[in-house]
Amino acid sequence: MIERLHTGQRMSKIVKHNGVAYLCGQVGDGETVAEQTADCLARVDALLLEAGSDREHILQAIVWLADMADFAEMNAVWDAWVPEGHAPARACGEAKLARQALKVEIIVTAAIKE
């Protein structure tokens, strides 16, 4: 069974299937990459909780940066957020994001806690 949460015309914020939660891309508020990353990860936390998961159950993360020059600044926030010993498979690349003010977008797939 597929369960979709917060579904609109274009997308669902969470899709659950076979014990896995797929989150739509999350962005955050703030002026700096660090601020946007922290806010984005707080939104990921909230969606994971709603989906029945948490940071320790993240399987994969895809990080998009508007500018790879911001890689170290984003990683400083990311590294403090990921629980030790629970780093997911992760990719990071540069992409033009949906709005000019956006500096980071993160897409997460996580196992649902049993």
PDB file of N, CA and C in Angstrom:
ATOM      1  N   MET A   1       0.832  -1.179   0.000  1.00  0.00           N
ATOM      2  CA  MET A   1       0.000   0.000   0.000  1.00  0.00           C
ATOM      3  C   MET A   1       0.883   1.252   0.000  1.00  0.00           C
ATOM      4  N   ILE A   2       0.486   2.226  -0.761  1.00  0.00           N
ATOM      5  CA  ILE A   2       1.181   3.511  -0.803  1.00  0.00           C
ATOM      6  C   ILE A   2       0.346   4.524  -0.027  1.00  0.00           C
ATOM      7  N   GLU A   3       0.996   5.229   0.908  1.00  0.00           N
ATOM      8  CA  GLU A   3       0.331   6.270   1.682  1.00  0.00           C
ATOM      9  C   GLU A   3       0.990   7.607   1.359  1.00  0.00           C
ATOM     10  N   ARG A   4       0.177   8.587   0.996  1.00  0.00           N
ATOM     11  CA  ARG A   4       0.675   9.920   0.656  1.00  0.00           C
ATOM     12  C   ARG A   4       0.151  10.924   1.672  1.00  0.00           C
ATOM     13  N   LEU A   5       1.049  11.756   2.198  1.00  0.00           N
ATOM     14  CA  LEU A   5       0.688  12.761   3.182  1.00  0.00           C
ATOM     15  C   LEU A   5       0.963  14.155   2.634  1.00  0.00           C
ATOM     16  N   HIS A   6       0.065  15.077   2.958  1.00  0.00           N
ATOM     17  CA  HIS A   6       0.191  16.464   2.487  1.00  0.00           C
ATOM     18  C   HIS A   6       0.287  16.491   0.959  1.00  0.00           C
ATOM     19  N   THR A   7      -0.688  15.884   0.336  1.00  0.00           N
ATOM     20  CA  THR A   7      -0.696  15.754  -1.114  1.00  0.00           C
ATOM     21  C   THR A   7      -1.393  16.930  -1.770  1.00  0.00           C
ATOM     22  N   GLY A   8      -0.745  17.474  -2.763  1.00  0.00           N
ATOM     23  CA  GLY A   8      -1.319  18.554  -3.560  1.00  0.00           C
ATOM     24  C   GLY A   8      -1.340  18.154  -5.024  1.00  0.00           C
ATOM     25  N   GLN A   9      -1.625  19.099  -5.870  1.00  0.00           N
ATOM     26  CA  GLN A   9      -1.671  18.862  -7.310  1.00  0.00           C
ATOM     27  C   GLN A   9      -0.329  18.361  -7.844  1.00  0.00           C
ATOM     28  N   ARG A  10       0.752  18.964  -7.340  1.00  0.00           N
ATOM     29  CA  ARG A  10       2.079  18.705  -7.893  1.00  0.00           C
ATOM     30  C   ARG A  10       2.853  17.607  -7.182  1.00  0.00           C
ATOM     31  N   MET A  11       2.693  17.518  -5.854  1.00  0.00           N
ATOM     32  CA  MET A  11       3.519  16.571  -5.103  1.00  0.00           C
ATOM     33  C   MET A  11       2.930  16.304  -3.731  1.00  0.00           C
ATOM     34  N   SER A  12       3.475  15.276  -3.089  1.00  0.00           N
ATOM     35  CA  SER A  12       3.194  14.961  -1.696  1.00  0.00           C
ATOM     36  C   SER A  12       4.455  15.273  -0.900  1.00  0.00           C
ATOM     37  N   LYS A  13       4.293  15.758   0.329  1.00  0.00           N
ATOM     38  CA  LYS A  13       5.466  16.031   1.159  1.00  0.00           C
ATOM     39  C   LYS A  13       6.107  14.738   1.639  1.00  0.00           C
ATOM     40  N   ILE A  14       5.261  13.709   1.872  1.00  0.00           N
ATOM     41  CA  ILE A  14       5.745  12.407   2.333  1.00  0.00           C
ATOM     42  C   ILE A  14       5.013  11.326   1.537  1.00  0.00           C
ATOM     43  N   VAL A  15       5.760  10.338   1.062  1.00  0.00           N
ATOM     44  CA  VAL A  15       5.161   9.141   0.479  1.00  0.00           C
ATOM     45  C   VAL A  15       5.757   7.953   1.225  1.00  0.00           C
ATOM     46  N   LYS A  16       4.877   7.081   1.749  1.00  0.00           N
ATOM     47  CA  LYS A  16       5.310   5.907   2.494  1.00  0.00           C
ATOM     48  C   LYS A  16       4.936   4.654   1.709  1.00  0.00           C
ATOM     49  N   HIS A  17       5.916   3.729   1.605  1.00  0.00           N
ATOM     50  CA  HIS A  17       5.675   2.483   0.877  1.00  0.00           C
ATOM     51  C   HIS A  17       6.683   1.436   1.342  1.00  0.00           C
ATOM     52  N   ASN A  18       6.169   0.260   1.665  1.00  0.00           N
ATOM     53  CA  ASN A  18       7.030  -0.877   2.043  1.00  0.00           C
ATOM     54  C   ASN A  18       8.066  -0.514   3.107  1.00  0.00           C
ATOM     55  N   GLY A  19       7.655   0.220   4.130  1.00  0.00           N
ATOM     56  CA  GLY A  19       8.553   0.536   5.230  1.00  0.00           C
ATOM     57  C   GLY A  19       9.558   1.630   4.965  1.00  0.00           C
ATOM     58  N   VAL A  20       9.358   2.373   3.876  1.00  0.00           N
ATOM     59  CA  VAL A  20      10.269   3.458   3.527  1.00  0.00           C
ATOM     60  C   VAL A  20       9.475   4.751   3.370  1.00  0.00           C
ATOM     61  N   ALA A  21      10.041   5.850   3.889  1.00  0.00           N
ATOM     62  CA  ALA A  21       9.447   7.174   3.744  1.00  0.00           C
ATOM     63  C   ALA A  21      10.298   7.990   2.776  1.00  0.00           C
ATOM     64  N   TYR A  22       9.644   8.546   1.774  1.00  0.00           N
ATOM     65  CA  TYR A  22      10.291   9.393   0.782  1.00  0.00           C
ATOM     66  C   TYR A  22       9.810  10.817   1.027  1.00  0.00           C
ATOM     67  N   LEU A  23      10.727  11.733   1.295  1.00  0.00           N
ATOM     68  CA  LEU A  23      10.356  13.122   1.535  1.00  0.00           C
ATOM     69  C   LEU A  23      10.608  13.946   0.288  1.00  0.00           C
ATOM     70  N   CYS A  24       9.737  14.919   0.054  1.00  0.00           N
ATOM     71  CA  CYS A  24       9.983  15.836  -1.060  1.00  0.00           C
ATOM     72  C   CYS A  24      11.164  16.733  -0.674  1.00  0.00           C
ATOM     73  N   GLY A  25      11.737  17.397  -1.629  1.00  0.00           N
ATOM     74  CA  GLY A  25      12.867  18.278  -1.376  1.00  0.00           C
ATOM     75  C   GLY A  25      12.494  19.365  -0.380  1.00  0.00           C
ATOM     76  N   GLN A  26      13.386  19.598   0.575  1.00  0.00           N
ATOM     77  CA  GLN A  26      13.161  20.608   1.602  1.00  0.00           C
ATOM     78  C   GLN A  26      14.144  21.759   1.431  1.00  0.00           C
ATOM     79  N   VAL A  27      13.628  22.960   1.598  1.00  0.00           N
ATOM     80  CA  VAL A  27      14.446  24.167   1.583  1.00  0.00           C
ATOM     81  C   VAL A  27      14.205  24.881   2.900  1.00  0.00           C
ATOM     82  N   GLY A  28      15.028  25.865   3.199  1.00  0.00           N
ATOM     83  CA  GLY A  28      14.886  26.572   4.464  1.00  0.00           C
ATOM     84  C   GLY A  28      14.955  28.072   4.294  1.00  0.00           C
ATOM     85  N   ASP A  29      14.561  28.756   5.349  1.00  0.00           N
ATOM     86  CA  ASP A  29      14.632  30.216   5.378  1.00  0.00           C
ATOM     87  C   ASP A  29      15.973  30.652   5.930  1.00  0.00           C
ATOM     88  N   GLY A  30      16.360  31.870   5.602  1.00  0.00           N
ATOM     89  CA  GLY A  30      17.600  32.444   6.116  1.00  0.00           C
ATOM     90  C   GLY A  30      18.384  33.101   5.004  1.00  0.00           C
ATOM     91  N   GLU A  31      19.355  33.889   5.411  1.00  0.00           N
ATOM     92  CA  GLU A  31      20.194  34.607   4.443  1.00  0.00           C
ATOM     93  C   GLU A  31      21.425  33.800   4.044  1.00  0.00           C
ATOM     94  N   THR A  32      21.975  33.028   4.985  1.00  0.00           N
ATOM     95  CA  THR A  32      23.211  32.298   4.717  1.00  0.00           C
ATOM     96  C   THR A  32      22.921  30.830   4.426  1.00  0.00           C
ATOM     97  N   VAL A  33      23.903  30.159   3.876  1.00  0.00           N
ATOM     98  CA  VAL A  33      23.782  28.723   3.629  1.00  0.00           C
ATOM     99  C   VAL A  33      23.600  27.985   4.953  1.00  0.00           C
ATOM    100  N   ALA A  34      24.320  28.388   5.981  1.00  0.00           N
ATOM    101  CA  ALA A  34      24.202  27.740   7.287  1.00  0.00           C
ATOM    102  C   ALA A  34      22.786  27.896   7.831  1.00  0.00           C
ATOM    103  N   GLU A  35      22.216  29.090   7.768  1.00  0.00           N
ATOM    104  CA  GLU A  35      20.857  29.321   8.259  1.00  0.00           C
ATOM    105  C   GLU A  35      19.843  28.503   7.463  1.00  0.00           C
ATOM    106  N   GLN A  36      19.971  28.521   6.150  1.00  0.00           N
ATOM    107  CA  GLN A  36      19.039  27.765   5.313  1.00  0.00           C
ATOM    108  C   GLN A  36      19.174  26.267   5.552  1.00  0.00           C
ATOM    109  N   THR A  37      20.394  25.778   5.718  1.00  0.00           N
ATOM    110  CA  THR A  37      20.604  24.354   5.962  1.00  0.00           C
ATOM    111  C   THR A  37      19.992  23.943   7.293  1.00  0.00           C
ATOM    112  N   ALA A  38      20.215  24.722   8.344  1.00  0.00           N
ATOM    113  CA  ALA A  38      19.662  24.413   9.661  1.00  0.00           C
ATOM    114  C   ALA A  38      18.130  24.390   9.620  1.00  0.00           C
ATOM    115  N   ASP A  39      17.533  25.364   8.947  1.00  0.00           N
ATOM    116  CA  ASP A  39      16.073  25.410   8.858  1.00  0.00           C
ATOM    117  C   ASP A  39      15.544  24.244   8.026  1.00  0.00           C
ATOM    118  N   CYS A  40      16.229  23.951   6.945  1.00  0.00           N
ATOM    119  CA  CYS A  40      15.853  22.828   6.084  1.00  0.00           C
ATOM    120  C   CYS A  40      15.893  21.522   6.864  1.00  0.00           C
ATOM    121  N   LEU A  41      16.938  21.305   7.649  1.00  0.00           N
ATOM    122  CA  LEU A  41      17.065  20.068   8.415  1.00  0.00           C
ATOM    123  C   LEU A  41      16.034  19.993   9.537  1.00  0.00           C
ATOM    124  N   ALA A  42      15.634  21.123  10.082  1.00  0.00           N
ATOM    125  CA  ALA A  42      14.547  21.134  11.075  1.00  0.00           C
ATOM    126  C   ALA A  42      13.244  20.685  10.415  1.00  0.00           C
ATOM    127  N   ARG A  43      13.031  21.095   9.176  1.00  0.00           N
ATOM    128  CA  ARG A  43      11.836  20.658   8.439  1.00  0.00           C
ATOM    129  C   ARG A  43      11.906  19.161   8.134  1.00  0.00           C
ATOM    130  N   VAL A  44      13.090  18.680   7.799  1.00  0.00           N
ATOM    131  CA  VAL A  44      13.280  17.241   7.583  1.00  0.00           C
ATOM    132  C   VAL A  44      12.951  16.484   8.863  1.00  0.00           C
ATOM    133  N   ASP A  45      13.453  16.970  10.009  1.00  0.00           N
ATOM    134  CA  ASP A  45      13.153  16.337  11.297  1.00  0.00           C
ATOM    135  C   ASP A  45      11.650  16.209  11.517  1.00  0.00           C
ATOM    136  N   ALA A  46      10.909  17.289  11.266  1.00  0.00           N
ATOM    137  CA  ALA A  46       9.455  17.294  11.488  1.00  0.00           C
ATOM    138  C   ALA A  46       8.757  16.288  10.575  1.00  0.00           C
ATOM    139  N   LEU A  47       9.156  16.240   9.307  1.00  0.00           N
ATOM    140  CA  LEU A  47       8.544  15.292   8.375  1.00  0.00           C
ATOM    141  C   LEU A  47       8.901  13.852   8.724  1.00  0.00           C
ATOM    142  N   LEU A  48      10.147  13.615   9.130  1.00  0.00           N
ATOM    143  CA  LEU A  48      10.542  12.266   9.538  1.00  0.00           C
ATOM    144  C   LEU A  48       9.717  11.805  10.732  1.00  0.00           C
ATOM    145  N   LEU A  49       9.533  12.672  11.708  1.00  0.00           N
ATOM    146  CA  LEU A  49       8.724  12.335  12.875  1.00  0.00           C
ATOM    147  C   LEU A  49       7.302  11.964  12.459  1.00  0.00           C
ATOM    148  N   GLU A  50       6.724  12.777  11.589  1.00  0.00           N
ATOM    149  CA  GLU A  50       5.369  12.504  11.107  1.00  0.00           C
ATOM    150  C   GLU A  50       5.295  11.184  10.345  1.00  0.00           C
ATOM    151  N   ALA A  51       6.358  10.846   9.641  1.00  0.00           N
ATOM    152  CA  ALA A  51       6.391   9.619   8.838  1.00  0.00           C
ATOM    153  C   ALA A  51       6.689   8.379   9.684  1.00  0.00           C
ATOM    154  N   GLY A  52       7.072   8.586  10.949  1.00  0.00           N
ATOM    155  CA  GLY A  52       7.418   7.447  11.794  1.00  0.00           C
ATOM    156  C   GLY A  52       8.881   7.066  11.705  1.00  0.00           C
ATOM    157  N   SER A  53       9.729   8.057  11.452  1.00  0.00           N
ATOM    158  CA  SER A  53      11.151   7.807  11.296  1.00  0.00           C
ATOM    159  C   SER A  53      11.930   8.881  12.055  1.00  0.00           C
ATOM    160  N   ASP A  54      13.251   8.868  11.890  1.00  0.00           N
ATOM    161  CA  ASP A  54      14.103   9.884  12.500  1.00  0.00           C
ATOM    162  C   ASP A  54      15.456   9.896  11.799  1.00  0.00           C
ATOM    163  N   ARG A  55      16.341  10.753  12.280  1.00  0.00           N
ATOM    164  CA  ARG A  55      17.672  10.909  11.661  1.00  0.00           C
ATOM    165  C   ARG A  55      18.466   9.610  11.608  1.00  0.00           C
ATOM    166  N   GLU A  56      18.310   8.775  12.601  1.00  0.00           N
ATOM    167  CA  GLU A  56      19.078   7.528  12.655  1.00  0.00           C
ATOM    168  C   GLU A  56      18.623   6.510  11.616  1.00  0.00           C
ATOM    169  N   HIS A  57      17.485   6.764  10.971  1.00  0.00           N
ATOM    170  CA  HIS A  57      16.949   5.828   9.989  1.00  0.00           C
ATOM    171  C   HIS A  57      17.030   6.349   8.553  1.00  0.00           C
ATOM    172  N   ILE A  58      17.744   7.446   8.347  1.00  0.00           N
ATOM    173  CA  ILE A  58      17.885   7.975   6.986  1.00  0.00           C
ATOM    174  C   ILE A  58      18.756   7.017   6.174  1.00  0.00           C
ATOM    175  N   LEU A  59      18.243   6.638   5.021  1.00  0.00           N
ATOM    176  CA  LEU A  59      18.965   5.737   4.129  1.00  0.00           C
ATOM    177  C   LEU A  59      19.811   6.519   3.127  1.00  0.00           C
ATOM    178  N   GLN A  60      19.237   7.588   2.587  1.00  0.00           N
ATOM    179  CA  GLN A  60      19.901   8.345   1.535  1.00  0.00           C
ATOM    180  C   GLN A  60      19.504   9.814   1.630  1.00  0.00           C
ATOM    181  N   ALA A  61      20.446  10.674   1.321  1.00  0.00           N
ATOM    182  CA  ALA A  61      20.171  12.103   1.226  1.00  0.00           C
ATOM    183  C   ALA A  61      20.826  12.641  -0.032  1.00  0.00           C
ATOM    184  N   ILE A  62      20.112  13.514  -0.703  1.00  0.00           N
ATOM    185  CA  ILE A  62      20.647  14.205  -1.878  1.00  0.00           C
ATOM    186  C   ILE A  62      20.601  15.693  -1.558  1.00  0.00           C
ATOM    187  N   VAL A  63      21.742  16.331  -1.638  1.00  0.00           N
ATOM    188  CA  VAL A  63      21.862  17.749  -1.318  1.00  0.00           C
ATOM    189  C   VAL A  63      22.167  18.513  -2.599  1.00  0.00           C
ATOM    190  N   TRP A  64      21.371  19.526  -2.857  1.00  0.00           N
ATOM    191  CA  TRP A  64      21.616  20.416  -3.987  1.00  0.00           C
ATOM    192  C   TRP A  64      22.031  21.775  -3.442  1.00  0.00           C
ATOM    193  N   LEU A  65      23.143  22.286  -3.910  1.00  0.00           N
ATOM    194  CA  LEU A  65      23.607  23.623  -3.557  1.00  0.00           C
ATOM    195  C   LEU A  65      23.535  24.517  -4.786  1.00  0.00           C
ATOM    196  N   ALA A  66      23.141  25.756  -4.580  1.00  0.00           N
ATOM    197  CA  ALA A  66      23.129  26.706  -5.693  1.00  0.00           C
ATOM    198  C   ALA A  66      24.560  27.014  -6.128  1.00  0.00           C
ATOM    199  N   ASP A  67      25.510  26.878  -5.195  1.00  0.00           N
ATOM    200  CA  ASP A  67      26.909  27.169  -5.491  1.00  0.00           C
ATOM    201  C   ASP A  67      27.781  26.218  -4.666  1.00  0.00           C
ATOM    202  N   MET A  68      28.583  25.399  -5.324  1.00  0.00           N
ATOM    203  CA  MET A  68      29.429  24.438  -4.615  1.00  0.00           C
ATOM    204  C   MET A  68      30.466  25.120  -3.728  1.00  0.00           C
ATOM    205  N   ALA A  69      30.667  26.413  -3.894  1.00  0.00           N
ATOM    206  CA  ALA A  69      31.558  27.153  -3.003  1.00  0.00           C
ATOM    207  C   ALA A  69      31.023  27.136  -1.571  1.00  0.00           C
ATOM    208  N   ASP A  70      29.727  26.821  -1.400  1.00  0.00           N
ATOM    209  CA  ASP A  70      29.087  26.775  -0.084  1.00  0.00           C
ATOM    210  C   ASP A  70      29.151  25.387   0.562  1.00  0.00           C
ATOM    211  N   PHE A  71      29.874  24.459  -0.059  1.00  0.00           N
ATOM    212  CA  PHE A  71      29.936  23.072   0.396  1.00  0.00           C
ATOM    213  C   PHE A  71      30.387  22.949   1.854  1.00  0.00           C
ATOM    214  N   ALA A  72      31.471  23.617   2.228  1.00  0.00           N
ATOM    215  CA  ALA A  72      32.000  23.509   3.598  1.00  0.00           C
ATOM    216  C   ALA A  72      31.023  24.091   4.616  1.00  0.00           C
ATOM    217  N   GLU A  73      30.392  25.220   4.292  1.00  0.00           N
ATOM    218  CA  GLU A  73      29.441  25.846   5.211  1.00  0.00           C
ATOM    219  C   GLU A  73      28.223  24.942   5.438  1.00  0.00           C
ATOM    220  N   MET A  74      27.718  24.349   4.369  1.00  0.00           N
ATOM    221  CA  MET A  74      26.589  23.420   4.495  1.00  0.00           C
ATOM    222  C   MET A  74      27.010  22.199   5.307  1.00  0.00           C
ATOM    223  N   ASN A  75      28.189  21.648   5.019  1.00  0.00           N
ATOM    224  CA  ASN A  75      28.664  20.453   5.712  1.00  0.00           C
ATOM    225  C   ASN A  75      28.854  20.676   7.210  1.00  0.00           C
ATOM    226  N   ALA A  76      29.226  21.871   7.617  1.00  0.00           N
ATOM    227  CA  ALA A  76      29.394  22.159   9.047  1.00  0.00           C
ATOM    228  C   ALA A  76      28.074  21.958   9.783  1.00  0.00           C
ATOM    229  N   VAL A  77      26.978  22.396   9.186  1.00  0.00           N
ATOM    230  CA  VAL A  77      25.651  22.216   9.789  1.00  0.00           C
ATOM    231  C   VAL A  77      25.225  20.757   9.681  1.00  0.00           C
ATOM    232  N   TRP A  78      25.416  20.172   8.517  1.00  0.00           N
ATOM    233  CA  TRP A  78      25.043  18.770   8.284  1.00  0.00           C
ATOM    234  C   TRP A  78      25.747  17.845   9.274  1.00  0.00           C
ATOM    235  N   ASP A  79      27.071  18.015   9.409  1.00  0.00           N
ATOM    236  CA  ASP A  79      27.861  17.130  10.264  1.00  0.00           C
ATOM    237  C   ASP A  79      27.411  17.189  11.725  1.00  0.00           C
ATOM    238  N   ALA A  80      26.989  18.360  12.186  1.00  0.00           N
ATOM    239  CA  ALA A  80      26.499  18.503  13.566  1.00  0.00           C
ATOM    240  C   ALA A  80      25.112  17.885  13.725  1.00  0.00           C
ATOM    241  N   TRP A  81      24.371  17.772  12.638  1.00  0.00           N
ATOM    242  CA  TRP A  81      22.991  17.269  12.665  1.00  0.00           C
ATOM    243  C   TRP A  81      22.905  15.746  12.581  1.00  0.00           C
ATOM    244  N   VAL A  82      23.776  15.129  11.801  1.00  0.00           N
ATOM    245  CA  VAL A  82      23.722  13.672  11.595  1.00  0.00           C
ATOM    246  C   VAL A  82      24.266  12.958  12.833  1.00  0.00           C
ATOM    247  N   PRO A  83      23.482  12.024  13.397  1.00  0.00           N
ATOM    248  CA  PRO A  83      23.963  11.294  14.574  1.00  0.00           C
ATOM    249  C   PRO A  83      25.201  10.455  14.232  1.00  0.00           C
ATOM    250  N   GLU A  84      26.156  10.457  15.137  1.00  0.00           N
ATOM    251  CA  GLU A  84      27.386   9.703  14.919  1.00  0.00           C
ATOM    252  C   GLU A  84      27.071   8.236  14.667  1.00  0.00           C
ATOM    253  N   GLY A  85      27.684   7.679  13.635  1.00  0.00           N
ATOM    254  CA  GLY A  85      27.483   6.282  13.284  1.00  0.00           C
ATOM    255  C   GLY A  85      26.248   6.022  12.437  1.00  0.00           C
ATOM    256  N   HIS A  86      25.509   7.086  12.068  1.00  0.00           N
ATOM    257  CA  HIS A  86      24.273   6.922  11.307  1.00  0.00           C
ATOM    258  C   HIS A  86      24.266   7.750  10.025  1.00  0.00           C
ATOM    259  N   ALA A  87      25.439   8.044   9.492  1.00  0.00           N
ATOM    260  CA  ALA A  87      25.503   8.823   8.251  1.00  0.00           C
ATOM    261  C   ALA A  87      24.870   8.027   7.105  1.00  0.00           C
ATOM    262  N   PRO A  88      23.961   8.659   6.367  1.00  0.00           N
ATOM    263  CA  PRO A  88      23.331   7.963   5.238  1.00  0.00           C
ATOM    264  C   PRO A  88      24.226   7.984   4.004  1.00  0.00           C
ATOM    265  N   ALA A  89      23.841   7.214   2.994  1.00  0.00           N
ATOM    266  CA  ALA A  89      24.451   7.381   1.677  1.00  0.00           C
ATOM    267  C   ALA A  89      24.056   8.798   1.234  1.00  0.00           C
ATOM    268  N   ARG A  90      25.003   9.564   0.705  1.00  0.00           N
ATOM    269  CA  ARG A  90      24.700  10.959   0.381  1.00  0.00           C
ATOM    270  C   ARG A  90      25.404  11.382  -0.896  1.00  0.00           C
ATOM    271  N   ALA A  91      24.712  12.228  -1.637  1.00  0.00           N
ATOM    272  CA  ALA A  91      25.306  12.864  -2.812  1.00  0.00           C
ATOM    273  C   ALA A  91      25.082  14.362  -2.673  1.00  0.00           C
ATOM    274  N   CYS A  92      25.981  15.136  -3.235  1.00  0.00           N
ATOM    275  CA  CYS A  92      25.832  16.586  -3.206  1.00  0.00           C
ATOM    276  C   CYS A  92      26.269  17.132  -4.553  1.00  0.00           C
ATOM    277  N   GLY A  93      25.457  18.010  -5.106  1.00  0.00           N
ATOM    278  CA  GLY A  93      25.789  18.602  -6.387  1.00  0.00           C
ATOM    279  C   GLY A  93      25.299  20.037  -6.468  1.00  0.00           C
ATOM    280  N   GLU A  94      25.682  20.682  -7.524  1.00  0.00           N
ATOM    281  CA  GLU A  94      25.276  22.068  -7.762  1.00  0.00           C
ATOM    282  C   GLU A  94      24.128  22.081  -8.754  1.00  0.00           C
ATOM    283  N   ALA A  95      23.124  22.916  -8.458  1.00  0.00           N
ATOM    284  CA  ALA A  95      21.961  23.013  -9.342  1.00  0.00           C
ATOM    285  C   ALA A  95      21.339  24.395  -9.204  1.00  0.00           C
ATOM    286  N   LYS A  96      20.694  24.814 -10.261  1.00  0.00           N
ATOM    287  CA  LYS A  96      19.900  26.026 -10.185  1.00  0.00           C
ATOM    288  C   LYS A  96      18.614  25.661  -9.448  1.00  0.00           C
ATOM    289  N   LEU A  97      18.365  26.315  -8.318  1.00  0.00           N
ATOM    290  CA  LEU A  97      17.210  25.974  -7.491  1.00  0.00           C
ATOM    291  C   LEU A  97      15.996  26.797  -7.913  1.00  0.00           C
ATOM    292  N   ALA A  98      14.835  26.482  -7.344  1.00  0.00           N
ATOM    293  CA  ALA A  98      13.557  27.025  -7.802  1.00  0.00           C
ATOM    294  C   ALA A  98      13.438  28.540  -7.677  1.00  0.00           C
ATOM    295  N   ARG A  99      14.085  29.117  -6.660  1.00  0.00           N
ATOM    296  CA  ARG A  99      14.052  30.569  -6.476  1.00  0.00           C
ATOM    297  C   ARG A  99      15.467  31.083  -6.266  1.00  0.00           C
ATOM    298  N   GLN A 100      15.731  32.266  -6.711  1.00  0.00           N
ATOM    299  CA  GLN A 100      17.072  32.864  -6.626  1.00  0.00           C
ATOM    300  C   GLN A 100      17.611  32.904  -5.192  1.00  0.00           C
ATOM    301  N   ALA A 101      16.750  33.138  -4.212  1.00  0.00           N
ATOM    302  CA  ALA A 101      17.192  33.269  -2.821  1.00  0.00           C
ATOM    303  C   ALA A 101      17.599  31.937  -2.198  1.00  0.00           C
ATOM    304  N   LEU A 102      17.195  30.828  -2.807  1.00  0.00           N
ATOM    305  CA  LEU A 102      17.509  29.516  -2.240  1.00  0.00           C
ATOM    306  C   LEU A 102      18.965  29.144  -2.480  1.00  0.00           C
ATOM    307  N   LYS A 103      19.601  28.616  -1.431  1.00  0.00           N
ATOM    308  CA  LYS A 103      20.996  28.216  -1.514  1.00  0.00           C
ATOM    309  C   LYS A 103      21.191  26.710  -1.360  1.00  0.00           C
ATOM    310  N   VAL A 104      20.198  26.026  -0.761  1.00  0.00           N
ATOM    311  CA  VAL A 104      20.332  24.591  -0.503  1.00  0.00           C
ATOM    312  C   VAL A 104      18.955  23.927  -0.535  1.00  0.00           C
ATOM    313  N   GLU A 105      18.921  22.703  -1.056  1.00  0.00           N
ATOM    314  CA  GLU A 105      17.727  21.860  -1.021  1.00  0.00           C
ATOM    315  C   GLU A 105      18.181  20.445  -0.699  1.00  0.00           C
ATOM    316  N   ILE A 106      17.432  19.776   0.196  1.00  0.00           N
ATOM    317  CA  ILE A 106      17.820  18.432   0.623  1.00  0.00           C
ATOM    318  C   ILE A 106      16.645  17.478   0.438  1.00  0.00           C
ATOM    319  N   ILE A 107      16.921  16.335  -0.170  1.00  0.00           N
ATOM    320  CA  ILE A 107      15.927  15.289  -0.418  1.00  0.00           C
ATOM    321  C   ILE A 107      16.339  14.072   0.405  1.00  0.00           C
ATOM    322  N   VAL A 108      15.408  13.516   1.187  1.00  0.00           N
ATOM    323  CA  VAL A 108      15.732  12.436   2.110  1.00  0.00           C
ATOM    324  C   VAL A 108      14.812  11.228   1.883  1.00  0.00           C
ATOM    325  N   THR A 109      15.403  10.042   1.972  1.00  0.00           N
ATOM    326  CA  THR A 109      14.677   8.778   1.985  1.00  0.00           C
ATOM    327  C   THR A 109      15.078   8.072   3.286  1.00  0.00           C
ATOM    328  N   ALA A 110      14.080   7.577   4.034  1.00  0.00           N
ATOM    329  CA  ALA A 110      14.379   6.975   5.330  1.00  0.00           C
ATOM    330  C   ALA A 110      13.542   5.732   5.579  1.00  0.00           C
ATOM    331  N   ALA A 111      14.112   4.809   6.348  1.00  0.00           N
ATOM    332  CA  ALA A 111      13.356   3.644   6.800  1.00  0.00           C
ATOM    333  C   ALA A 111      12.396   4.086   7.894  1.00  0.00           C
ATOM    334  N   ILE A 112      11.210   3.525   7.875  1.00  0.00           N
ATOM    335  CA  ILE A 112      10.231   3.807   8.925  1.00  0.00           C
ATOM    336  C   ILE A 112      10.549   2.891  10.096  1.00  0.00           C
ATOM    337  N   LYS A 113      10.574   3.449  11.305  1.00  0.00           N
ATOM    338  CA  LYS A 113      10.907   2.663  12.497  1.00  0.00           C
ATOM    339  C   LYS A 113       9.835   1.597  12.729  1.00  0.00           C
ATOM    340  N   GLU A 114      10.279   0.443  13.142  1.00  0.00           N
ATOM    341  CA  GLU A 114       9.342  -0.663  13.401  1.00  0.00           C
ATOM    342  C   GLU A 114       8.935  -0.705  14.850  1.00  0.00           C
TER     343      GLU A 114
END
